[in-house]
Amino acid sequence: MLAFWFCGTNPMDAALVWTNLNQYGLSTLGSTNRAIQKAVRKKYNDAGIKVIVSAFGATEFPTSRGMDAATCGRNLAQFVIDNNLDGADADYEDNEAMKAGTG
């Protein structure tokens, strides 16, 4: 699981590294970032492991920040497709929104 994708700023941390794998000396796996992502994902998938991205976490509060849930969902889905991932995990921790009944 790659952490984290943020609705407001997109990939951070390991998710950001995944979007730029071609910068990390992995040329034996492919000549483009897309090819390298596919090769790395295949190695994990062959071992029975899915490669997913975790969205939000304890530092992104999309509802409290007034972000549109449908737009965030579409953008997250597009990130998964564009970056050769198996899926996404919604690590939704917008506690203030949940307390207010809007989460």
C-alpha atoms as a PDB file:
ATOM      1  CA  MET A   1       0.000   0.000   0.000  1.00  0.00           C
ATOM      2  CA  LEU A   2       1.430   3.296  -1.117  1.00  0.00           C
ATOM      3  CA  ALA A   3       0.726   6.224   1.159  1.00  0.00           C
ATOM      4  CA  PHE A   4      -0.734   8.765   0.512  1.00  0.00           C
ATOM      5  CA  TRP A   5      -2.918  10.276  -2.175  1.00  0.00           C
ATOM      6  CA  PHE A   6      -4.536  13.585  -1.179  1.00  0.00           C
ATOM      7  CA  CYS A   7      -7.580  15.019  -2.891  1.00  0.00           C
ATOM      8  CA  GLY A   8      -6.172  18.544  -2.654  1.00  0.00           C
ATOM      9  CA  THR A   9      -2.563  17.933  -3.643  1.00  0.00           C
ATOM     10  CA  ASN A  10      -2.567  14.430  -5.164  1.00  0.00           C
ATOM     11  CA  PRO A  11       0.330  12.036  -4.393  1.00  0.00           C
ATOM     12  CA  MET A  12       2.656  12.400  -1.443  1.00  0.00           C
ATOM     13  CA  ASP A  13       5.338  10.198   0.123  1.00  0.00           C
ATOM     14  CA  ALA A  14       5.550   6.678  -1.388  1.00  0.00           C
ATOM     15  CA  ALA A  15       2.666   7.414  -3.779  1.00  0.00           C
ATOM     16  CA  LEU A  16       4.709  10.281  -5.206  1.00  0.00           C
ATOM     17  CA  VAL A  17       7.734   7.987  -5.602  1.00  0.00           C
ATOM     18  CA  TRP A  18       5.523   5.525  -7.523  1.00  0.00           C
ATOM     19  CA  THR A  19       4.599   8.272 -10.014  1.00  0.00           C
ATOM     20  CA  ASN A  20       8.318   8.831 -10.739  1.00  0.00           C
ATOM     21  CA  LEU A  21       9.848   5.339 -10.629  1.00  0.00           C
ATOM     22  CA  ASN A  22      11.898   6.050 -13.743  1.00  0.00           C
ATOM     23  CA  GLN A  23      14.015   8.448 -11.644  1.00  0.00           C
ATOM     24  CA  TYR A  24      15.227   5.700  -9.292  1.00  0.00           C
ATOM     25  CA  GLY A  25      17.576   3.624 -11.441  1.00  0.00           C
ATOM     26  CA  LEU A  26      15.074   0.965 -12.458  1.00  0.00           C
ATOM     27  CA  SER A  27      15.867   1.114 -16.170  1.00  0.00           C
ATOM     28  CA  THR A  28      16.306  -2.669 -16.277  1.00  0.00           C
ATOM     29  CA  LEU A  29      12.533  -2.902 -15.783  1.00  0.00           C
ATOM     30  CA  GLY A  30      11.599  -0.556 -18.622  1.00  0.00           C
ATOM     31  CA  SER A  31      12.376   2.671 -20.407  1.00  0.00           C
ATOM     32  CA  THR A  32       9.319   4.670 -19.301  1.00  0.00           C
ATOM     33  CA  ASN A  33       7.668   5.251 -15.971  1.00  0.00           C
ATOM     34  CA  ARG A  34       4.558   3.395 -17.179  1.00  0.00           C
ATOM     35  CA  ALA A  35       6.610   0.355 -18.235  1.00  0.00           C
ATOM     36  CA  ILE A  36       8.483   0.312 -14.931  1.00  0.00           C
ATOM     37  CA  GLN A  37       5.229   0.585 -12.956  1.00  0.00           C
ATOM     38  CA  LYS A  38       3.770  -2.322 -14.910  1.00  0.00           C
ATOM     39  CA  ALA A  39       6.889  -4.453 -14.363  1.00  0.00           C
ATOM     40  CA  VAL A  40       7.013  -3.742 -10.618  1.00  0.00           C
ATOM     41  CA  ARG A  41       3.272  -4.336 -10.258  1.00  0.00           C
ATOM     42  CA  LYS A  42       3.597  -7.648 -12.137  1.00  0.00           C
ATOM     43  CA  LYS A  43       6.312  -8.814  -9.733  1.00  0.00           C
ATOM     44  CA  TYR A  44       4.045  -8.065  -6.772  1.00  0.00           C
ATOM     45  CA  ASN A  45       0.953  -9.533  -8.464  1.00  0.00           C
ATOM     46  CA  ASP A  46       2.883 -12.706  -9.347  1.00  0.00           C
ATOM     47  CA  ALA A  47       3.624 -13.052  -5.636  1.00  0.00           C
ATOM     48  CA  GLY A  48      -0.081 -12.652  -4.810  1.00  0.00           C
ATOM     49  CA  ILE A  49       0.245  -9.044  -3.659  1.00  0.00           C
ATOM     50  CA  LYS A  50      -1.922  -6.171  -4.876  1.00  0.00           C
ATOM     51  CA  VAL A  51      -0.376  -2.709  -5.279  1.00  0.00           C
ATOM     52  CA  ILE A  52      -2.777  -0.035  -4.050  1.00  0.00           C
ATOM     53  CA  VAL A  53      -2.652   3.566  -2.920  1.00  0.00           C
ATOM     54  CA  SER A  54      -4.055   4.824   0.354  1.00  0.00           C
ATOM     55  CA  ALA A  55      -6.048   8.044   0.147  1.00  0.00           C
ATOM     56  CA  PHE A  56      -6.372  10.783   2.743  1.00  0.00           C
ATOM     57  CA  GLY A  57      -5.012   9.486   6.067  1.00  0.00           C
ATOM     58  CA  ALA A  58      -4.780  11.502   9.265  1.00  0.00           C
ATOM     59  CA  THR A  59      -3.500  14.650   7.574  1.00  0.00           C
ATOM     60  CA  GLU A  60      -6.089  15.237   4.829  1.00  0.00           C
ATOM     61  CA  PHE A  61      -9.610  16.289   5.737  1.00  0.00           C
ATOM     62  CA  PRO A  62     -11.440  16.606   2.420  1.00  0.00           C
ATOM     63  CA  THR A  63     -14.959  17.088   3.769  1.00  0.00           C
ATOM     64  CA  SER A  64     -13.930  19.678   6.360  1.00  0.00           C
ATOM     65  CA  ARG A  65     -11.976  21.483   3.642  1.00  0.00           C
ATOM     66  CA  GLY A  66     -15.101  21.664   1.493  1.00  0.00           C
ATOM     67  CA  MET A  67     -13.920  19.328  -1.247  1.00  0.00           C
ATOM     68  CA  ASP A  68     -16.510  17.643  -3.438  1.00  0.00           C
ATOM     69  CA  ALA A  69     -16.635  13.908  -2.659  1.00  0.00           C
ATOM     70  CA  ALA A  70     -17.562  12.901  -6.226  1.00  0.00           C
ATOM     71  CA  THR A  71     -14.683  14.906  -7.681  1.00  0.00           C
ATOM     72  CA  CYS A  72     -12.248  13.410  -5.161  1.00  0.00           C
ATOM     73  CA  GLY A  73     -13.495   9.924  -6.005  1.00  0.00           C
ATOM     74  CA  ARG A  74     -13.146  10.445  -9.752  1.00  0.00           C
ATOM     75  CA  ASN A  75      -9.661  11.940  -9.326  1.00  0.00           C
ATOM     76  CA  LEU A  76      -8.577   9.040  -7.125  1.00  0.00           C
ATOM     77  CA  ALA A  77      -9.912   6.506  -9.637  1.00  0.00           C
ATOM     78  CA  GLN A  78      -8.067   8.287 -12.446  1.00  0.00           C
ATOM     79  CA  PHE A  79      -4.845   8.257 -10.397  1.00  0.00           C
ATOM     80  CA  VAL A  80      -5.210   4.474  -9.955  1.00  0.00           C
ATOM     81  CA  ILE A  81      -5.750   3.994 -13.699  1.00  0.00           C
ATOM     82  CA  ASP A  82      -3.002   6.406 -14.767  1.00  0.00           C
ATOM     83  CA  ASN A  83      -0.441   4.838 -12.436  1.00  0.00           C
ATOM     84  CA  ASN A  84      -1.042   1.129 -13.057  1.00  0.00           C
ATOM     85  CA  LEU A  85      -2.338   0.326  -9.590  1.00  0.00           C
ATOM     86  CA  ASP A  86      -4.681  -2.465  -8.522  1.00  0.00           C
ATOM     87  CA  GLY A  87      -6.921  -0.169  -6.493  1.00  0.00           C
ATOM     88  CA  ALA A  88      -7.226   2.269  -3.623  1.00  0.00           C
ATOM     89  CA  ASP A  89      -7.901   2.295   0.103  1.00  0.00           C
ATOM     90  CA  ALA A  90      -9.914   5.156   1.585  1.00  0.00           C
ATOM     91  CA  ASP A  91      -8.232   5.921   4.906  1.00  0.00           C
ATOM     92  CA  TYR A  92     -10.844   8.539   5.736  1.00  0.00           C
ATOM     93  CA  GLU A  93     -10.053  10.152   9.079  1.00  0.00           C
ATOM     94  CA  ASP A  94     -11.937  13.444   8.809  1.00  0.00           C
ATOM     95  CA  ASN A  95     -13.133  13.143  12.406  1.00  0.00           C
ATOM     96  CA  GLU A  96     -14.610  16.647  12.609  1.00  0.00           C
ATOM     97  CA  ALA A  97     -16.814  15.928   9.601  1.00  0.00           C
ATOM     98  CA  MET A  98     -17.877  12.610  11.091  1.00  0.00           C
ATOM     99  CA  LYS A  99     -18.724  14.291  14.419  1.00  0.00           C
ATOM    100  CA  ALA A 100     -20.738  16.920  12.537  1.00  0.00           C
ATOM    101  CA  GLY A 101     -22.596  14.196  10.619  1.00  0.00           C
ATOM    102  CA  THR A 102     -21.262  15.405   7.261  1.00  0.00           C
ATOM    103  CA  GLY A 103     -18.555  12.779   6.806  1.00  0.00           C
END
